[in-house]
Each structure stands twice: as C-alpha cells, then as structure tokens.
Amino acid sequence: MVGTILITFGFSAVLALVLGVALGFFREKFKVERDPKIDEVREALPGANCGACGYPGCDGYSEAVATGRAPTTKCSVGGSATAEALAKIMGVEGGAAEDKVAVLLCQGAIDKTVSKGEYNGIQTCRAAKLSTGSIKTCSWSCQGFGDCVNVCKFDALAMGEDGLPHVNYDNCTGCGLCVEECPQKILTLVPRDRVGSIVLCSNRSTVKASVIKTCKVGCIKCELCVKSCPEGAITMVNGIPVTDYAKCTSCGICVEKCPTKCYKMLEIDVFGTKKLVPLMEQAQA
C-alpha cells in the first residue's frame, strides 16, 4: 500500500516537472513581444480609469492607442495636454481633445415642480423611473436621488437642498458617466468654452397648460425665443427650443423674453464666466 502511494507521488512529481518545463519552453517559443509604446501611453494617461474613452480603463485605452485602434484624443480627463503627449509618443499629428463639461437640462427643484405623491420605493432615480415613470408630474423632470452623483469619480457633482444635482465646473472632466447613468437623459455634455443660449428644460409636452401645472420653470412652448431672435438662431425641435451656435451672438434677447426663465446664457448663468450687461450693450451697438 505504501509502495503504491510512493510510486504515485513520484510519478506525479515527475509529470509536474515535465509539464512545467514544457510550458516554460512553449511560453518562450511562442510568446508575443509587448509593444513598449503601450507602457509609454499608459504612463502618459492620468490613471482615472473612468471608462469615458469607451475602453475598459486606462489599460484598455493605452493598448488601443498603441496598436492604432483608437485616436489619441479620447481621454477627456487628461484633455489637450494628454492628447498632445499621446500624439508625440505615437508620432502622429497632434489633435486637441474637446474640453466638455456636464450641464443639467432641468430646473425642476423641489419648490418648482409638483410631486405625484410620496415615493417609498428604492431610493434611486432609475428605480423611481422604472416603477413610477416619474415621481413628479413632469415626466422629464430630475428624480433627485443622485444616481449621477454616485457614479461621478471626480467629486464634480453634489445634490443640493433644492433636490437637484449641482456641477462643480472646477472638478468636472466631461467624462460623461453621469450622462450615461441618468435615466431621464437630462444631463448633457457641452464644450466648456461654448457661448450662447440654452434652454434648461427637457419637457417635450406641446400642451402649454400641462407644462404650467407641472413646473413653474418649464418651457411652455410660447416660441417667443424663436420669434424674437434677431439672428434666427432658435428653432423648435421635438418640443424644445434648440440654439444654432453658429448663428447665436449671445445677445441675450431670448433670455429676456422667456416668460418662465428657462432660457439661460451658458457663459453667464451656467458657467458664470461673463457678465450680461456688456453682452447686451454689444448687441445693441
């Protein structure tokens, strides 16, 4: 009995040794050399692993760039500096990564919208959307549970006392995770340097009375913005006024005419980088 055990043990040890040597041989024989550019690209990336580039983290993106399967401008976190560094490593013409930030297309704060009733379900926007359609009478309104805040990796979003997520533009990298997570699709990415008007409402109902009943700051489809724009830069698309930024001069007339104040100036009311008075004086001049 003992002899059988020793023979079995010895045979197993010899077999393991042979297999180990064979595996080592074939690994060296058929190994694929790793392109050193992959490590160079990976080193140049910020290491956020946010997935905004469309690849599984920085490792996936670095391999895609090094093998020519992805452009050097997909890292929104690193921005133009990273894009230039990657272009230099790859020996290609540099391209600027467009610097974008998240903007909430809704002003439906707690005191501005009408609730359907008390919601006792799972406290996430997605659950509320699936189970009720919307916890507010406006079907397009922000649900206010902060799903977008929870997925943000850069502390760029925080829920305010008004029940809406607020963007910290100093921290926002434009990764788009919040945009993907929002079940209402009321978060969008906008170029950080964009100027012009934007409507902060996603209510696509064409019934004016319905909008008025559900939200105090909703677009009531009066089309005063469309009619008053001197450049003809605003058109109605699926019930929402849309600005053509190639025509918009930031005159601010649409903002003044809007009766519910859902039209805002990106550079003034959203990003807060300019004052309204000089713009209005420039338009009048």
Protein backbone atom coordinates (compact mmCIF):
# COMPACT_ATOMS: atom_id res chain seq x y z
CA MET A 1 0.00 0.00 0.00
CA VAL A 2 2.80 2.38 1.00
CA GLY A 3 4.74 1.43 -2.14
CA THR A 4 1.77 2.29 -4.34
CA ILE A 5 1.45 5.70 -2.69
CA LEU A 6 5.17 6.44 -3.16
CA ILE A 7 5.06 5.36 -6.80
CA THR A 8 2.02 7.57 -7.44
CA PHE A 9 3.66 10.53 -5.69
CA GLY A 10 6.87 10.05 -7.64
CA PHE A 11 5.05 9.77 -10.94
CA SER A 12 3.04 12.92 -10.19
CA ALA A 13 6.21 14.83 -9.30
CA VAL A 14 7.97 13.78 -12.50
CA LEU A 15 4.89 14.59 -14.58
CA ALA A 16 4.61 18.02 -12.97
CA LEU A 17 8.28 18.69 -13.70
CA VAL A 18 7.95 17.67 -17.33
CA LEU A 19 4.81 19.76 -17.82
CA GLY A 20 6.44 22.74 -16.13
CA VAL A 21 9.48 22.55 -18.38
CA ALA A 22 7.26 22.11 -21.45
CA LEU A 23 5.10 25.10 -20.54
CA GLY A 24 8.15 27.22 -19.95
CA PHE A 25 9.61 26.20 -23.31
CA PHE A 26 6.46 26.89 -25.28
CA ARG A 27 5.90 30.19 -23.49
CA GLU A 28 9.30 31.41 -24.60
CA LYS A 29 8.93 29.82 -28.04
CA PHE A 30 5.57 31.40 -28.89
CA LYS A 31 5.48 34.50 -26.67
CA VAL A 32 4.26 37.73 -28.23
CA GLU A 33 6.53 40.66 -27.54
CA ARG A 34 4.73 43.50 -25.75
CA ASP A 35 4.89 46.77 -27.62
CA PRO A 36 6.82 49.21 -25.38
CA LYS A 37 4.56 52.00 -26.64
CA ILE A 38 1.71 50.50 -24.60
CA ASP A 39 3.59 51.24 -21.40
CA GLU A 40 4.58 54.69 -22.65
CA VAL A 41 0.98 55.55 -23.46
CA ARG A 42 -0.23 54.15 -20.14
CA GLU A 43 2.31 56.27 -18.28
CA ALA A 44 1.07 59.40 -20.04
CA LEU A 45 -2.58 58.79 -19.08
CA PRO A 46 -3.98 60.30 -15.86
CA GLY A 47 -4.99 56.92 -14.44
CA ALA A 48 -8.61 57.79 -13.66
CA ASN A 49 -9.91 54.51 -15.13
CA CYS A 50 -13.28 56.18 -15.69
CA GLY A 51 -14.04 54.43 -18.98
CA ALA A 52 -15.17 57.66 -20.64
CA CYS A 53 -12.92 56.89 -23.60
CA GLY A 54 -15.06 53.85 -24.39
CA TYR A 55 -12.40 51.33 -23.36
CA PRO A 56 -12.04 49.26 -20.16
CA GLY A 57 -10.00 51.74 -18.16
CA CYS A 58 -6.62 53.29 -18.92
CA ASP A 59 -5.03 49.89 -19.62
CA GLY A 60 -7.56 49.13 -22.34
CA TYR A 61 -7.25 52.57 -23.89
CA SER A 62 -3.43 52.57 -23.81
CA GLU A 63 -3.33 49.28 -25.70
CA ALA A 64 -5.88 50.56 -28.24
CA VAL A 65 -3.88 53.74 -28.85
CA ALA A 66 -0.54 51.91 -29.09
CA THR A 67 -1.94 49.48 -31.65
CA GLY A 68 -3.59 52.21 -33.71
CA ARG A 69 -7.15 51.17 -32.91
CA ALA A 70 -8.04 54.37 -31.06
CA PRO A 71 -7.29 58.07 -31.59
CA THR A 72 -5.09 59.99 -29.18
CA THR A 73 -7.87 62.44 -28.29
CA LYS A 74 -10.31 60.23 -26.39
CA CYS A 75 -9.12 60.96 -22.83
CA SER A 76 -11.46 63.69 -21.58
CA VAL A 77 -9.87 63.66 -18.13
CA GLY A 78 -6.39 64.45 -19.43
CA GLY A 79 -7.68 66.91 -22.02
CA SER A 80 -5.49 68.55 -24.63
CA ALA A 81 -2.26 68.07 -22.67
CA THR A 82 -2.71 64.28 -22.62
CA ALA A 83 -3.79 64.24 -26.28
CA GLU A 84 -0.61 66.07 -27.26
CA ALA A 85 1.55 63.72 -25.17
CA LEU A 86 -0.03 60.65 -26.76
CA ALA A 87 0.36 62.09 -30.25
CA LYS A 88 4.06 62.66 -29.59
CA ILE A 89 4.51 59.07 -28.40
CA MET A 90 2.70 57.70 -31.43
CA GLY A 91 4.45 60.02 -33.84
CA VAL A 92 1.22 61.40 -35.28
CA GLU A 93 -0.09 64.89 -35.78
CA GLY A 94 -1.43 66.25 -32.51
CA GLY A 95 -5.12 66.86 -32.09
CA ALA A 96 -6.87 68.80 -29.37
CA ALA A 97 -9.31 66.94 -27.15
CA GLU A 98 -12.50 68.96 -26.84
CA ASP A 99 -12.93 70.08 -23.24
CA LYS A 100 -16.51 69.33 -22.25
CA VAL A 101 -18.49 69.58 -19.02
CA ALA A 102 -21.85 68.30 -17.83
CA VAL A 103 -24.92 70.54 -17.86
CA LEU A 104 -28.27 69.69 -16.25
CA LEU A 105 -31.17 70.41 -18.62
CA CYS A 106 -33.72 70.79 -15.85
CA GLN A 107 -34.56 73.39 -13.21
CA GLY A 108 -37.26 71.29 -11.56
CA ALA A 109 -36.29 71.97 -7.98
CA ILE A 110 -38.46 70.78 -5.09
CA ASP A 111 -40.28 74.10 -4.83
CA LYS A 112 -40.72 74.43 -8.60
CA THR A 113 -42.27 71.07 -9.53
CA VAL A 114 -45.31 69.07 -8.47
CA SER A 115 -44.87 65.63 -6.90
CA LYS A 116 -47.22 62.75 -7.70
CA GLY A 117 -47.18 61.70 -4.05
CA GLU A 118 -44.91 60.07 -1.51
CA TYR A 119 -42.48 57.61 -3.04
CA ASN A 120 -41.41 54.70 -0.79
CA GLY A 121 -39.56 52.57 -3.32
CA ILE A 122 -35.85 52.02 -3.85
CA GLN A 123 -34.14 55.37 -3.46
CA THR A 124 -32.52 55.64 -6.88
CA CYS A 125 -33.51 57.62 -9.95
CA ARG A 126 -33.50 54.50 -12.09
CA ALA A 127 -35.80 52.59 -9.74
CA ALA A 128 -38.17 55.54 -9.48
CA LYS A 129 -38.25 55.87 -13.26
CA LEU A 130 -38.93 52.16 -13.79
CA SER A 131 -41.61 51.87 -11.12
CA THR A 132 -43.49 55.16 -11.50
CA GLY A 133 -42.45 56.67 -14.82
CA SER A 134 -41.57 59.75 -12.77
CA ILE A 135 -42.15 60.67 -9.14
CA LYS A 136 -43.10 64.14 -10.37
CA THR A 137 -45.96 65.10 -12.62
CA CYS A 138 -43.41 66.24 -15.18
CA SER A 139 -42.26 63.02 -16.81
CA TRP A 140 -38.97 64.61 -17.90
CA SER A 141 -38.00 66.06 -14.52
CA CYS A 142 -34.95 65.19 -12.41
CA GLN A 143 -35.88 62.46 -9.93
CA GLY A 144 -33.49 63.84 -7.35
CA PHE A 145 -31.93 60.68 -5.89
CA GLY A 146 -28.43 61.42 -7.12
CA ASP A 147 -27.58 58.45 -9.34
CA CYS A 148 -25.36 60.86 -11.28
CA VAL A 149 -23.59 61.95 -8.09
CA ASN A 150 -22.90 58.35 -7.10
CA VAL A 151 -21.10 57.49 -10.35
CA CYS A 152 -19.01 60.67 -10.53
CA LYS A 153 -15.36 59.84 -9.78
CA PHE A 154 -14.16 63.42 -9.60
CA ASP A 155 -16.37 65.00 -6.89
CA ALA A 156 -17.86 67.20 -9.58
CA LEU A 157 -21.50 66.60 -8.64
CA ALA A 158 -23.38 67.12 -5.40
CA MET A 159 -27.07 67.11 -4.51
CA GLY A 160 -28.34 70.49 -3.38
CA GLU A 161 -31.08 71.28 -0.89
CA ASP A 162 -33.28 72.09 -3.88
CA GLY A 163 -33.27 68.39 -4.85
CA LEU A 164 -31.13 68.87 -7.95
CA PRO A 165 -27.54 67.84 -8.71
CA HIS A 166 -25.14 70.76 -8.96
CA VAL A 167 -21.98 70.66 -11.08
CA ASN A 168 -18.64 71.85 -9.77
CA TYR A 169 -17.04 73.00 -13.02
CA ASP A 170 -13.60 73.20 -11.46
CA ASN A 171 -13.70 69.41 -10.98
CA CYS A 172 -15.80 68.27 -13.95
CA THR A 173 -13.74 66.45 -16.58
CA GLY A 174 -16.53 65.78 -19.06
CA CYS A 175 -16.13 62.02 -18.68
CA GLY A 176 -19.85 61.52 -19.38
CA LEU A 177 -20.50 58.90 -16.70
CA CYS A 178 -23.31 60.99 -15.23
CA VAL A 179 -24.83 61.46 -18.69
CA GLU A 180 -24.92 57.70 -19.23
CA GLU A 181 -26.29 57.00 -15.75
CA CYS A 182 -29.19 59.48 -15.80
CA PRO A 183 -32.40 57.56 -16.68
CA GLN A 184 -34.15 60.80 -17.60
CA LYS A 185 -31.40 61.77 -20.06
CA ILE A 186 -31.40 65.36 -18.82
CA LEU A 187 -27.64 65.66 -18.39
CA THR A 188 -25.62 66.56 -21.46
CA LEU A 189 -22.02 67.38 -22.31
CA VAL A 190 -21.30 70.90 -23.53
CA PRO A 191 -17.95 72.39 -24.63
CA ARG A 192 -16.55 74.37 -21.71
CA ASP A 193 -15.83 77.39 -23.90
CA ARG A 194 -19.21 77.46 -25.61
CA VAL A 195 -21.14 80.71 -25.50
CA GLY A 196 -24.77 81.30 -26.36
CA SER A 197 -28.22 80.48 -25.09
CA ILE A 198 -29.53 77.15 -23.86
CA VAL A 199 -32.90 76.05 -22.56
CA LEU A 200 -32.70 74.29 -19.19
CA CYS A 201 -35.84 72.25 -19.65
CA SER A 202 -36.48 68.82 -21.15
CA ASN A 203 -40.29 68.80 -21.02
CA ARG A 204 -41.33 67.84 -24.54
CA SER A 205 -45.06 68.20 -23.98
CA THR A 206 -46.57 70.57 -26.50
CA VAL A 207 -49.56 71.33 -24.26
CA LYS A 208 -48.91 74.69 -22.57
CA ALA A 209 -51.43 74.14 -19.76
CA SER A 210 -49.87 70.79 -18.92
CA VAL A 211 -46.41 72.30 -18.52
CA ILE A 212 -47.69 75.15 -16.37
CA LYS A 213 -49.40 72.70 -14.00
CA THR A 214 -46.35 70.52 -13.57
CA CYS A 215 -43.47 73.01 -13.33
CA LYS A 216 -43.07 76.73 -12.63
CA VAL A 217 -39.91 76.99 -14.71
CA GLY A 218 -40.75 74.70 -17.62
CA CYS A 219 -40.75 75.67 -21.28
CA ILE A 220 -44.37 76.48 -22.18
CA LYS A 221 -43.72 76.38 -25.96
CA CYS A 222 -44.74 80.01 -26.48
CA GLU A 223 -41.92 80.33 -29.03
CA LEU A 224 -41.15 83.91 -28.00
CA CYS A 225 -37.50 82.94 -28.10
CA VAL A 226 -37.86 81.77 -31.69
CA LYS A 227 -39.77 84.85 -32.79
CA SER A 228 -37.55 87.38 -31.03
CA CYS A 229 -34.12 86.04 -32.05
CA PRO A 230 -32.69 88.61 -34.50
CA GLU A 231 -30.34 86.03 -36.00
CA GLY A 232 -32.95 83.29 -36.49
CA ALA A 233 -30.73 81.02 -34.42
CA ILE A 234 -33.51 79.26 -32.48
CA THR A 235 -35.86 76.56 -33.77
CA MET A 236 -38.26 74.16 -32.07
CA VAL A 237 -37.09 70.53 -32.19
CA ASN A 238 -39.35 67.86 -30.64
CA GLY A 239 -40.99 70.44 -28.40
CA ILE A 240 -37.75 72.02 -27.18
CA PRO A 241 -36.13 75.26 -28.42
CA VAL A 242 -32.68 74.50 -29.83
CA THR A 243 -29.97 77.10 -30.48
CA ASP A 244 -27.78 77.09 -33.57
CA TYR A 245 -24.47 78.21 -32.07
CA ALA A 246 -23.07 79.07 -35.48
CA LYS A 247 -25.66 81.87 -35.63
CA CYS A 248 -26.06 82.80 -31.94
CA THR A 249 -24.37 86.10 -30.96
CA SER A 250 -25.12 85.88 -27.21
CA CYS A 251 -27.32 88.97 -27.42
CA GLY A 252 -29.46 87.66 -24.54
CA ILE A 253 -32.80 88.70 -26.05
CA CYS A 254 -34.22 85.16 -25.82
CA VAL A 255 -33.33 85.06 -22.13
CA GLU A 256 -35.13 88.37 -21.51
CA LYS A 257 -38.22 87.34 -23.47
CA CYS A 258 -38.63 83.87 -21.89
CA PRO A 259 -41.65 84.13 -19.52
CA THR A 260 -40.65 81.17 -17.34
CA LYS A 261 -36.92 81.96 -17.34
CA CYS A 262 -35.93 78.53 -18.60
CA TYR A 263 -33.68 80.08 -21.25
CA LYS A 264 -30.21 80.84 -19.93
CA MET A 265 -26.88 82.07 -21.22
CA LEU A 266 -24.18 79.41 -20.97
CA GLU A 267 -21.35 81.85 -20.31
CA ILE A 268 -23.36 83.79 -17.73
CA ASP A 269 -25.95 81.64 -15.97
CA VAL A 270 -24.31 78.22 -16.32
CA PHE A 271 -20.53 78.70 -16.40
CA GLY A 272 -20.56 82.18 -14.85
CA THR A 273 -17.61 83.42 -16.86
CA LYS A 274 -19.05 86.66 -18.26
CA LYS A 275 -21.45 89.41 -17.25
CA LEU A 276 -24.70 90.08 -19.05
CA VAL A 277 -24.53 93.87 -19.32
CA PRO A 278 -21.53 94.05 -21.68
CA LEU A 279 -23.10 91.43 -23.92
CA MET A 280 -26.37 93.33 -24.12
CA GLU A 281 -24.55 96.61 -24.81
CA GLN A 282 -22.55 94.89 -27.55
CA ALA A 283 -25.73 93.52 -29.14
CA GLN A 284 -27.43 96.91 -29.05
CA ALA A 285 -24.39 98.60 -30.52
